[in-house]
Amino acid sequence: VSKVVGKGAEDGRAETPTNTPELDKYSRDLTKMAREGKLDPVIGRAQEIETTIEVLARRKKNNPVLIGEPGVGKTAIVEGLAQRMVAGEVPETLRDKRLVELNINAMVAGAKYRGEFEERVQKVLKEVTEHQGEMILFIDEVHTIVGAGQGGGEGGLDVANVFKPMMARGELNLIGATTLNEYQKYIEKDAALERRFQPVMVPEPTVAQTMMILRGLRDTFEAHHKVSITEDAIIAAAELSDRYITARFLPDKAIDLLDQAAARVKLSATARPVAVQELESELHQLRREQDYMASRKQYDKAAELGKRIEAKEAELKKLIEDWERERASGSAEVKAEHVAQIVSRLTGIPVNELTVEEREKLLHLEQRLHERLVGQDEAVRAVADA
């Protein structure tokens, strides 16, 4: 049995000798990680996993390629498949196979001399061929196999050209994952390679589906951060990320948001809150100004600053009391306001703007439109009523 060392990319790497030593250098065994409980639960992707299993169970053209935008959960689908294989919830033809993620970039990295990369590829594929029918390879960013190895100029090995005949002969069972743009740019242009793959589209989940995914991950996050996550925080993470973080895709952006909010809550439970530190700094500055005014005999201004200092000291005292009370309770709780604070920091939109209900914003719509449009009362009323 292989021993798993490290985290992240190191998970699933074999430390003790196996029957595929070359493959183990550049891969991680997802079925092994699933068996050891090292993969996160996969929620709400049952249809895509079923479709992938159907393609893999085919006699011909049994190489699925998952196509979807970055962050929609393509890798999670493959991890879900690994968990099903370990649980025996797949056809018999797939039950005892290994699902191994091959890292093409790791194979290219460090290949200094001409022919070194080619030698690595040939050794890995020799092991795959020798254990034909025992494993399924998964390559994330599968479009990178097109032209991989040709960086040294003409005559270099193109990995895609090595894979094509092996896939045609059934010696290589491969799952790919890529974006629609990359698929069209690299794989569709190579008709022979495209013919070997069966596309499986992975759409971005809805906000409601994202909430379901976040609920499924709640226990994992709570155990990692030692906090409790409220239902409001889950709803806020899904809705606010969908509305304000437009450059990325669900569920990835919502998961990151909730993860960061949980980390921040845990940090604020152990370290002095940023608000306290900022207020202390402000008080220090005000006291210096007061001393300066007093030294210049500007007592009116010094007295005015004294009042501001008193107000700030009272505010600081309340903040510290609230923080210490929260620490004493020992129940660090992630709420919607914590998620809103992270979104505010990422987007620059004030927190109060993020937390105002949609209905409340619309209540003042007619008034706001009147401020900008003059002499269009009827049109403004019609828009506001709609």
Foldseek 3Di string as FASTA:
>chain_A
DFDQDDDDQSGQQGDDDDLQNLQSQFKHWLLVCLVVVNDADQPDCVVLLVVLLVLCPDPALSAAEEAADPAQQPVVSVSNNSNCLNVVVGPPLSNQAIEMEGELVSLLPPQDDAPSSVVSLVSNLVSLLVCFSRYAYEYEQVLCLACPQCPVDPPGDRNLVVVLVCLRVSSHHYYYYDYPVSCVVRVVVPVSNVSSYDYRYRYRDALVSLLRRCVSCQVVLCVVLVAHEDSQQSSLLSVVCVPQVPVDTPPRSSVVLSSVLSNLLSCVLPDPDPVLVVLVVVLVVLVVVLVVCVVVVVNVVSVVSVVVSVVSVVVSVVSVVVSVVVNVVVHRYRHSLSSLVVSCVVRVDDSVVSPDDPVVVLVCQLVVVCVVDPPPNVVSVVVSVD
